[in-house]
Amino acid sequence: MNSLYKKKKEGQQEDIPDRYFSVQKVSEITELPSYILRFWESQFKQLHPQRTRGGHRRYQKKDVELILWIKNLLYEKKLTIKGAKEELKRREREDLIDPAILEKELEEVLDILNGA
């Protein structure tokens, strides 16, 4: 495996360059066989690499990071596919909650309640 992608510490990966990767390169980076990557693509709607005109998959940095997250959920945390899907949905909901927006909205509600 390329030293660029070796683990820094347990559970951490080196920074992944912001570029496109072939399925073979993603397989090398994630230490997962390509058939697993293709299977996960069919199971996790969040994982949808772009395709070239010839139909070859082209993964972006965000795709590789998602694959590593799914790998962690399934292999380290021992979740089922269903459990991993639920965890990803929960994570998406949390990512949608911007603390700054919530704070502003709460201030507006307080202003209304206080008659301002």
Protein backbone atom coordinates (compact mmCIF):
# COMPACT_ATOMS: atom_id res chain seq x y z
CA MET A 1 0.00 0.00 0.00
CA ASN A 2 1.24 3.47 -0.84
CA SER A 3 2.73 5.15 2.24
CA LEU A 4 0.58 8.23 1.58
CA TYR A 5 -2.44 6.27 2.74
CA LYS A 6 -0.98 4.27 5.62
CA LYS A 7 -2.63 4.69 8.99
CA LYS A 8 -1.20 7.45 11.16
CA LYS A 9 -2.65 6.04 14.35
CA GLU A 10 -5.21 3.35 14.97
CA GLY A 11 -8.35 4.26 13.06
CA GLN A 12 -6.90 7.31 11.30
CA GLN A 13 -5.93 7.63 7.64
CA GLU A 14 -3.46 10.01 6.06
CA ASP A 15 -5.02 12.88 4.15
CA ILE A 16 -6.52 11.77 0.87
CA PRO A 17 -5.66 13.99 -2.10
CA ASP A 18 -8.55 15.89 -3.68
CA ARG A 19 -8.68 14.18 -7.08
CA TYR A 20 -10.38 11.33 -8.92
CA PHE A 21 -9.52 7.69 -8.24
CA SER A 22 -10.12 4.47 -10.14
CA VAL A 23 -11.81 1.54 -8.41
CA GLN A 24 -8.40 -0.18 -8.28
CA LYS A 25 -6.81 2.79 -6.50
CA VAL A 26 -9.71 3.07 -4.04
CA SER A 27 -9.37 -0.65 -3.40
CA GLU A 28 -5.69 -0.10 -2.59
CA ILE A 29 -6.35 2.93 -0.37
CA THR A 30 -9.17 1.29 1.60
CA GLU A 31 -7.73 -2.22 1.60
CA LEU A 32 -11.06 -3.54 0.29
CA PRO A 33 -11.57 -5.72 -2.78
CA SER A 34 -13.25 -3.98 -5.71
CA TYR A 35 -16.24 -6.34 -5.54
CA ILE A 36 -16.95 -5.06 -2.01
CA LEU A 37 -16.85 -1.47 -3.28
CA ARG A 38 -19.31 -2.32 -6.04
CA PHE A 39 -21.58 -4.14 -3.58
CA TRP A 40 -21.56 -1.22 -1.15
CA GLU A 41 -22.45 1.09 -4.03
CA SER A 42 -25.63 -0.97 -4.46
CA GLN A 43 -26.40 -0.90 -0.73
CA PHE A 44 -25.57 2.68 0.32
CA LYS A 45 -27.36 5.39 -1.65
CA GLN A 46 -24.84 7.97 -0.42
CA LEU A 47 -22.08 6.18 -2.32
CA HIS A 48 -22.40 6.99 -6.01
CA PRO A 49 -19.10 7.56 -7.81
CA GLN A 50 -19.13 9.38 -11.10
CA ARG A 51 -18.77 7.39 -14.32
CA THR A 52 -16.59 8.06 -17.33
CA ARG A 53 -18.05 7.91 -20.81
CA GLY A 54 -16.75 4.35 -20.94
CA GLY A 55 -18.66 3.48 -17.76
CA HIS A 56 -15.64 3.29 -15.45
CA ARG A 57 -16.10 4.47 -11.88
CA ARG A 58 -14.29 7.63 -10.79
CA TYR A 59 -14.28 8.16 -7.04
CA GLN A 60 -13.76 11.57 -5.45
CA LYS A 61 -12.16 12.25 -2.09
CA LYS A 62 -15.60 12.42 -0.44
CA ASP A 63 -16.43 8.97 -1.83
CA VAL A 64 -13.22 7.49 -0.43
CA GLU A 65 -13.88 9.08 2.96
CA LEU A 66 -17.41 7.65 2.95
CA ILE A 67 -16.07 4.19 2.09
CA LEU A 68 -13.62 4.40 4.98
CA TRP A 69 -16.48 5.45 7.29
CA ILE A 70 -18.64 2.54 6.10
CA LYS A 71 -15.69 0.19 6.56
CA ASN A 72 -15.30 1.43 10.12
CA LEU A 73 -18.99 0.92 10.86
CA LEU A 74 -19.05 -2.60 9.45
CA TYR A 75 -15.62 -3.96 10.37
CA GLU A 76 -14.66 -2.08 13.53
CA LYS A 77 -18.02 -1.30 15.13
CA LYS A 78 -19.47 -4.59 13.84
CA LEU A 79 -22.71 -3.04 12.59
CA THR A 80 -24.87 -4.84 10.06
CA ILE A 81 -25.55 -3.26 6.65
CA LYS A 82 -28.90 -2.12 8.04
CA GLY A 83 -27.24 -0.67 11.15
CA ALA A 84 -24.64 1.13 9.05
CA LYS A 85 -27.38 2.62 6.85
CA GLU A 86 -29.18 3.90 9.96
CA GLU A 87 -25.95 5.37 11.31
CA LEU A 88 -25.29 7.15 8.01
CA LYS A 89 -28.83 8.58 8.02
CA ARG A 90 -28.35 9.79 11.60
CA ARG A 91 -25.04 11.37 10.64
CA GLU A 92 -26.66 13.13 7.66
CA ARG A 93 -29.33 14.60 9.93
CA GLU A 94 -26.69 15.85 12.36
CA ASP A 95 -24.70 17.39 9.50
CA LEU A 96 -27.80 19.33 8.45
CA ILE A 97 -28.02 20.99 11.85
CA ASP A 98 -25.88 24.12 11.74
CA PRO A 99 -25.40 25.49 15.28
CA ALA A 100 -25.13 29.09 14.04
CA ILE A 101 -28.46 28.85 12.21
CA LEU A 102 -30.12 27.23 15.22
CA GLU A 103 -28.82 29.96 17.51
CA LYS A 104 -30.16 32.69 15.21
CA GLU A 105 -33.56 31.00 14.97
CA LEU A 106 -33.73 30.58 18.75
CA GLU A 107 -32.91 34.25 19.23
CA GLU A 108 -35.73 35.18 16.84
CA VAL A 109 -38.16 32.96 18.76
CA LEU A 110 -37.06 34.51 22.06
CA ASP A 111 -37.55 38.00 20.58
CA ILE A 112 -41.09 37.05 19.55
CA LEU A 113 -41.85 35.57 22.97
CA ASN A 114 -40.43 38.61 24.75
CA GLY A 115 -42.44 40.97 22.56
CA ALA A 116 -39.48 42.59 20.87
